[in-house]
Amino acid sequence: MDFITATTTYVIAHQGNSYYATSAISVFALTDKALDLINFFSQLLTVSFGILFGLVVIMILLIIFSS
């Protein structure tokens, strides 16, 4: 599974009859699969905190109104 792609651009110089690469610049990007995984786990974490917070509120309310 590929999660990152790289694109390399070379700067070519010309001297006489010869061409040569003077520098290379690489750009890295996340693929759609990687972005989907990040989105899934961030939503999972948000829902988990919401459920946990809701259970804590219900427990506190039960403790307050039980006496």
PDB file of N, CA and C in Angstrom:
ATOM      1  N   MET A   1       0.850  -1.186   0.000  1.00  0.00           N
ATOM      2  CA  MET A   1       0.000   0.000   0.000  1.00  0.00           C
ATOM      3  C   MET A   1       0.890   1.242   0.000  1.00  0.00           C
ATOM      4  N   ASP A   2       0.609   2.124  -0.884  1.00  0.00           N
ATOM      5  CA  ASP A   2       1.382   3.358  -0.973  1.00  0.00           C
ATOM      6  C   ASP A   2       0.678   4.456  -0.194  1.00  0.00           C
ATOM      7  N   PHE A   3       1.409   5.086   0.702  1.00  0.00           N
ATOM      8  CA  PHE A   3       0.843   6.164   1.511  1.00  0.00           C
ATOM      9  C   PHE A   3       1.454   7.514   1.181  1.00  0.00           C
ATOM     10  N   ILE A   4       2.570   7.500   0.453  1.00  0.00           N
ATOM     11  CA  ILE A   4       3.234   8.756   0.127  1.00  0.00           C
ATOM     12  C   ILE A   4       3.789   8.653  -1.292  1.00  0.00           C
ATOM     13  N   THR A   5       3.697   9.743  -2.009  1.00  0.00           N
ATOM     14  CA  THR A   5       4.264   9.784  -3.355  1.00  0.00           C
ATOM     15  C   THR A   5       5.325  10.874  -3.400  1.00  0.00           C
ATOM     16  N   ALA A   6       6.284  10.681  -4.264  1.00  0.00           N
ATOM     17  CA  ALA A   6       7.359  11.662  -4.411  1.00  0.00           C
ATOM     18  C   ALA A   6       7.497  12.037  -5.879  1.00  0.00           C
ATOM     19  N   THR A   7       7.645  13.322  -6.103  1.00  0.00           N
ATOM     20  CA  THR A   7       7.900  13.826  -7.446  1.00  0.00           C
ATOM     21  C   THR A   7       9.220  14.586  -7.399  1.00  0.00           C
ATOM     22  N   THR A   8      10.136  14.200  -8.254  1.00  0.00           N
ATOM     23  CA  THR A   8      11.458  14.833  -8.275  1.00  0.00           C
ATOM     24  C   THR A   8      11.620  15.647  -9.553  1.00  0.00           C
ATOM     25  N   THR A   9      12.036  16.886  -9.375  1.00  0.00           N
ATOM     26  CA  THR A   9      12.300  17.782 -10.499  1.00  0.00           C
ATOM     27  C   THR A   9      13.787  18.105 -10.519  1.00  0.00           C
ATOM     28  N   TYR A  10      14.394  17.957 -11.677  1.00  0.00           N
ATOM     29  CA  TYR A  10      15.817  18.227 -11.824  1.00  0.00           C
ATOM     30  C   TYR A  10      16.025  19.547 -12.560  1.00  0.00           C
ATOM     31  N   VAL A  11      17.033  20.293 -12.139  1.00  0.00           N
ATOM     32  CA  VAL A  11      17.438  21.504 -12.849  1.00  0.00           C
ATOM     33  C   VAL A  11      18.615  21.118 -13.725  1.00  0.00           C
ATOM     34  N   ILE A  12      18.452  21.305 -15.014  1.00  0.00           N
ATOM     35  CA  ILE A  12      19.459  20.883 -15.983  1.00  0.00           C
ATOM     36  C   ILE A  12      20.255  22.103 -16.446  1.00  0.00           C
ATOM     37  N   ALA A  13      21.565  21.972 -16.415  1.00  0.00           N
ATOM     38  CA  ALA A  13      22.450  23.036 -16.913  1.00  0.00           C
ATOM     39  C   ALA A  13      23.055  22.588 -18.234  1.00  0.00           C
ATOM     40  N   HIS A  14      23.412  23.555 -19.019  1.00  0.00           N
ATOM     41  CA  HIS A  14      23.960  23.278 -20.343  1.00  0.00           C
ATOM     42  C   HIS A  14      25.325  23.954 -20.464  1.00  0.00           C
ATOM     43  N   GLN A  15      26.313  23.156 -20.818  1.00  0.00           N
ATOM     44  CA  GLN A  15      27.648  23.714 -21.029  1.00  0.00           C
ATOM     45  C   GLN A  15      28.248  23.032 -22.256  1.00  0.00           C
ATOM     46  N   GLY A  16      28.333  23.766 -23.316  1.00  0.00           N
ATOM     47  CA  GLY A  16      28.855  23.184 -24.554  1.00  0.00           C
ATOM     48  C   GLY A  16      27.876  22.169 -25.112  1.00  0.00           C
ATOM     49  N   ASN A  17      28.362  20.961 -25.372  1.00  0.00           N
ATOM     50  CA  ASN A  17      27.513  19.891 -25.886  1.00  0.00           C
ATOM     51  C   ASN A  17      26.978  18.983 -24.788  1.00  0.00           C
ATOM     52  N   SER A  18      27.317  19.261 -23.550  1.00  0.00           N
ATOM     53  CA  SER A  18      26.899  18.368 -22.470  1.00  0.00           C
ATOM     54  C   SER A  18      25.829  19.026 -21.601  1.00  0.00           C
ATOM     55  N   TYR A  19      24.946  18.192 -21.133  1.00  0.00           N
ATOM     56  CA  TYR A  19      23.899  18.602 -20.189  1.00  0.00           C
ATOM     57  C   TYR A  19      24.126  17.848 -18.884  1.00  0.00           C
ATOM     58  N   TYR A  20      23.911  18.514 -17.772  1.00  0.00           N
ATOM     59  CA  TYR A  20      24.081  17.853 -16.481  1.00  0.00           C
ATOM     60  C   TYR A  20      23.092  18.432 -15.474  1.00  0.00           C
ATOM     61  N   ALA A  21      22.738  17.600 -14.507  1.00  0.00           N
ATOM     62  CA  ALA A  21      21.800  18.019 -13.473  1.00  0.00           C
ATOM     63  C   ALA A  21      22.555  18.792 -12.401  1.00  0.00           C
ATOM     64  N   THR A  22      22.076  20.003 -12.097  1.00  0.00           N
ATOM     65  CA  THR A  22      22.742  20.808 -11.074  1.00  0.00           C
ATOM     66  C   THR A  22      22.091  20.642  -9.709  1.00  0.00           C
ATOM     67  N   SER A  23      20.788  20.395  -9.674  1.00  0.00           N
ATOM     68  CA  SER A  23      20.116  20.180  -8.391  1.00  0.00           C
ATOM     69  C   SER A  23      18.840  19.384  -8.626  1.00  0.00           C
ATOM     70  N   ALA A  24      18.356  18.801  -7.555  1.00  0.00           N
ATOM     71  CA  ALA A  24      17.113  18.030  -7.609  1.00  0.00           C
ATOM     72  C   ALA A  24      16.221  18.491  -6.465  1.00  0.00           C
ATOM     73  N   ILE A  25      14.958  18.675  -6.761  1.00  0.00           N
ATOM     74  CA  ILE A  25      13.983  19.088  -5.754  1.00  0.00           C
ATOM     75  C   ILE A  25      12.901  18.012  -5.707  1.00  0.00           C
ATOM     76  N   SER A  26      12.663  17.454  -4.517  1.00  0.00           N
ATOM     77  CA  SER A  26      11.640  16.425  -4.353  1.00  0.00           C
ATOM     78  C   SER A  26      10.471  16.989  -3.565  1.00  0.00           C
ATOM     79  N   VAL A  27       9.288  16.681  -4.031  1.00  0.00           N
ATOM     80  CA  VAL A  27       8.060  17.088  -3.349  1.00  0.00           C
ATOM     81  C   VAL A  27       7.334  15.822  -2.934  1.00  0.00           C
ATOM     82  N   PHE A  28       6.995  15.722  -1.666  1.00  0.00           N
ATOM     83  CA  PHE A  28       6.302  14.549  -1.139  1.00  0.00           C
ATOM     84  C   PHE A  28       4.850  14.901  -0.856  1.00  0.00           C
ATOM     85  N   ALA A  29       3.948  13.969  -1.144  1.00  0.00           N
ATOM     86  CA  ALA A  29       2.521  14.195  -0.911  1.00  0.00           C
ATOM     87  C   ALA A  29       1.887  12.896  -0.424  1.00  0.00           C
ATOM     88  N   LEU A  30       0.882  13.036   0.440  1.00  0.00           N
ATOM     89  CA  LEU A  30       0.147  11.873   0.915  1.00  0.00           C
ATOM     90  C   LEU A  30      -0.853  11.434  -0.146  1.00  0.00           C
ATOM     91  N   THR A  31      -1.049  10.121  -0.246  1.00  0.00           N
ATOM     92  CA  THR A  31      -2.028   9.598  -1.192  1.00  0.00           C
ATOM     93  C   THR A  31      -3.422   9.667  -0.583  1.00  0.00           C
ATOM     94  N   ASP A  32      -4.428   9.352  -1.398  1.00  0.00           N
ATOM     95  CA  ASP A  32      -5.808   9.367  -0.911  1.00  0.00           C
ATOM     96  C   ASP A  32      -6.027   8.339   0.191  1.00  0.00           C
ATOM     97  N   LYS A  33      -5.363   7.191   0.103  1.00  0.00           N
ATOM     98  CA  LYS A  33      -5.497   6.161   1.146  1.00  0.00           C
ATOM     99  C   LYS A  33      -4.993   6.683   2.485  1.00  0.00           C
ATOM    100  N   ALA A  34      -3.854   7.370   2.470  1.00  0.00           N
ATOM    101  CA  ALA A  34      -3.291   7.903   3.709  1.00  0.00           C
ATOM    102  C   ALA A  34      -4.206   8.967   4.302  1.00  0.00           C
ATOM    103  N   LEU A  35      -4.754   9.838   3.459  1.00  0.00           N
ATOM    104  CA  LEU A  35      -5.661  10.872   3.958  1.00  0.00           C
ATOM    105  C   LEU A  35      -6.942  10.260   4.511  1.00  0.00           C
ATOM    106  N   ASP A  36      -7.434   9.191   3.881  1.00  0.00           N
ATOM    107  CA  ASP A  36      -8.620   8.506   4.399  1.00  0.00           C
ATOM    108  C   ASP A  36      -8.348   7.878   5.767  1.00  0.00           C
ATOM    109  N   LEU A  37      -7.162   7.289   5.942  1.00  0.00           N
ATOM    110  CA  LEU A  37      -6.819   6.692   7.240  1.00  0.00           C
ATOM    111  C   LEU A  37      -6.713   7.754   8.331  1.00  0.00           C
ATOM    112  N   ILE A  38      -6.102   8.883   8.005  1.00  0.00           N
ATOM    113  CA  ILE A  38      -5.999   9.969   8.978  1.00  0.00           C
ATOM    114  C   ILE A  38      -7.390  10.459   9.360  1.00  0.00           C
ATOM    115  N   ASN A  39      -8.259  10.621   8.375  1.00  0.00           N
ATOM    116  CA  ASN A  39      -9.621  11.066   8.625  1.00  0.00           C
ATOM    117  C   ASN A  39     -10.377  10.060   9.492  1.00  0.00           C
ATOM    118  N   PHE A  40     -10.249   8.762   9.193  1.00  0.00           N
ATOM    119  CA  PHE A  40     -10.937   7.732   9.961  1.00  0.00           C
ATOM    120  C   PHE A  40     -10.516   7.749  11.429  1.00  0.00           C
ATOM    121  N   PHE A  41      -9.212   7.769  11.684  1.00  0.00           N
ATOM    122  CA  PHE A  41      -8.748   7.700  13.064  1.00  0.00           C
ATOM    123  C   PHE A  41      -9.039   8.985  13.843  1.00  0.00           C
ATOM    124  N   SER A  42      -9.042  10.136  13.170  1.00  0.00           N
ATOM    125  CA  SER A  42      -9.399  11.365  13.877  1.00  0.00           C
ATOM    126  C   SER A  42     -10.882  11.367  14.230  1.00  0.00           C
ATOM    127  N   GLN A  43     -11.742  10.851  13.346  1.00  0.00           N
ATOM    128  CA  GLN A  43     -13.155  10.754  13.671  1.00  0.00           C
ATOM    129  C   GLN A  43     -13.397   9.730  14.762  1.00  0.00           C
ATOM    130  N   LEU A  44     -12.662   8.614  14.729  1.00  0.00           N
ATOM    131  CA  LEU A  44     -12.790   7.596  15.766  1.00  0.00           C
ATOM    132  C   LEU A  44     -12.409   8.164  17.127  1.00  0.00           C
ATOM    133  N   LEU A  45     -11.338   8.938  17.176  1.00  0.00           N
ATOM    134  CA  LEU A  45     -10.905   9.554  18.426  1.00  0.00           C
ATOM    135  C   LEU A  45     -11.941  10.553  18.935  1.00  0.00           C
ATOM    136  N   THR A  46     -12.524  11.347  18.036  1.00  0.00           N
ATOM    137  CA  THR A  46     -13.532  12.332  18.421  1.00  0.00           C
ATOM    138  C   THR A  46     -14.773  11.648  18.979  1.00  0.00           C
ATOM    139  N   VAL A  47     -15.239  10.609  18.318  1.00  0.00           N
ATOM    140  CA  VAL A  47     -16.420   9.882  18.793  1.00  0.00           C
ATOM    141  C   VAL A  47     -16.135   9.207  20.127  1.00  0.00           C
ATOM    142  N   SER A  48     -14.944   8.658  20.295  1.00  0.00           N
ATOM    143  CA  SER A  48     -14.581   8.004  21.558  1.00  0.00           C
ATOM    144  C   SER A  48     -14.593   8.994  22.717  1.00  0.00           C
ATOM    145  N   PHE A  49     -14.031  10.190  22.505  1.00  0.00           N
ATOM    146  CA  PHE A  49     -14.064  11.200  23.560  1.00  0.00           C
ATOM    147  C   PHE A  49     -15.483  11.660  23.845  1.00  0.00           C
ATOM    148  N   GLY A  50     -16.310  11.765  22.818  1.00  0.00           N
ATOM    149  CA  GLY A  50     -17.704  12.158  23.018  1.00  0.00           C
ATOM    150  C   GLY A  50     -18.461  11.149  23.848  1.00  0.00           C
ATOM    151  N   ILE A  51     -18.285   9.875  23.547  1.00  0.00           N
ATOM    152  CA  ILE A  51     -18.952   8.817  24.321  1.00  0.00           C
ATOM    153  C   ILE A  51     -18.442   8.811  25.751  1.00  0.00           C
ATOM    154  N   LEU A  52     -17.140   8.911  25.935  1.00  0.00           N
ATOM    155  CA  LEU A  52     -16.557   8.919  27.274  1.00  0.00           C
ATOM    156  C   LEU A  52     -17.049  10.107  28.087  1.00  0.00           C
ATOM    157  N   PHE A  53     -17.074  11.288  27.489  1.00  0.00           N
ATOM    158  CA  PHE A  53     -17.560  12.481  28.175  1.00  0.00           C
ATOM    159  C   PHE A  53     -19.042  12.341  28.524  1.00  0.00           C
ATOM    160  N   GLY A  54     -19.833  11.773  27.625  1.00  0.00           N
ATOM    161  CA  GLY A  54     -21.255  11.558  27.900  1.00  0.00           C
ATOM    162  C   GLY A  54     -21.466  10.595  29.052  1.00  0.00           C
ATOM    163  N   LEU A  55     -20.685   9.533  29.112  1.00  0.00           N
ATOM    164  CA  LEU A  55     -20.810   8.589  30.232  1.00  0.00           C
ATOM    165  C   LEU A  55     -20.423   9.229  31.556  1.00  0.00           C
ATOM    166  N   VAL A  56     -19.386  10.057  31.552  1.00  0.00           N
ATOM    167  CA  VAL A  56     -18.977  10.745  32.785  1.00  0.00           C
ATOM    168  C   VAL A  56     -20.078  11.699  33.243  1.00  0.00           C
ATOM    169  N   VAL A  57     -20.711  12.418  32.330  1.00  0.00           N
ATOM    170  CA  VAL A  57     -21.794  13.338  32.686  1.00  0.00           C
ATOM    171  C   VAL A  57     -22.982  12.568  33.260  1.00  0.00           C
ATOM    172  N   ILE A  58     -23.321  11.442  32.640  1.00  0.00           N
ATOM    173  CA  ILE A  58     -24.427  10.627  33.165  1.00  0.00           C
ATOM    174  C   ILE A  58     -24.111  10.116  34.561  1.00  0.00           C
ATOM    175  N   MET A  59     -22.873   9.688  34.795  1.00  0.00           N
ATOM    176  CA  MET A  59     -22.478   9.213  36.143  1.00  0.00           C
ATOM    177  C   MET A  59     -22.597  10.322  37.170  1.00  0.00           C
ATOM    178  N   ILE A  60     -22.143  11.514  36.804  1.00  0.00           N
ATOM    179  CA  ILE A  60     -22.220  12.646  37.735  1.00  0.00           C
ATOM    180  C   ILE A  60     -23.672  12.994  38.033  1.00  0.00           C
ATOM    181  N   LEU A  61     -24.513  12.995  37.003  1.00  0.00           N
ATOM    182  CA  LEU A  61     -25.918  13.286  37.216  1.00  0.00           C
ATOM    183  C   LEU A  61     -26.588  12.223  38.089  1.00  0.00           C
ATOM    184  N   LEU A  62     -26.237  10.962  37.895  1.00  0.00           N
ATOM    185  CA  LEU A  62     -26.786   9.891  38.738  1.00  0.00           C
ATOM    186  C   LEU A  62     -26.341  10.049  40.186  1.00  0.00           C
ATOM    187  N   ILE A  63     -25.101  10.454  40.406  1.00  0.00           N
ATOM    188  CA  ILE A  63     -24.601  10.657  41.765  1.00  0.00           C
ATOM    189  C   ILE A  63     -25.305  11.840  42.408  1.00  0.00           C
ATOM    190  N   ILE A  64     -25.515  12.917  41.667  1.00  0.00           N
ATOM    191  CA  ILE A  64     -26.165  14.106  42.226  1.00  0.00           C
ATOM    192  C   ILE A  64     -27.617  13.810  42.602  1.00  0.00           C
ATOM    193  N   PHE A  65     -28.349  13.161  41.710  1.00  0.00           N
ATOM    194  CA  PHE A  65     -29.774  12.960  41.943  1.00  0.00           C
ATOM    195  C   PHE A  65     -30.107  11.691  42.724  1.00  0.00           C
ATOM    196  N   SER A  66     -29.120  10.886  43.069  1.00  0.00           N
ATOM    197  CA  SER A  66     -29.393   9.673  43.852  1.00  0.00           C
ATOM    198  C   SER A  66     -29.550   9.975  45.342  1.00  0.00           C
ATOM    199  N   SER A  67     -29.049  11.127  45.815  1.00  0.00           N
ATOM    200  CA  SER A  67     -29.170  11.414  47.248  1.00  0.00           C
ATOM    201  C   SER A  67     -30.406  12.172  47.620  1.00  0.00           C
TER     202      SER A  67
END
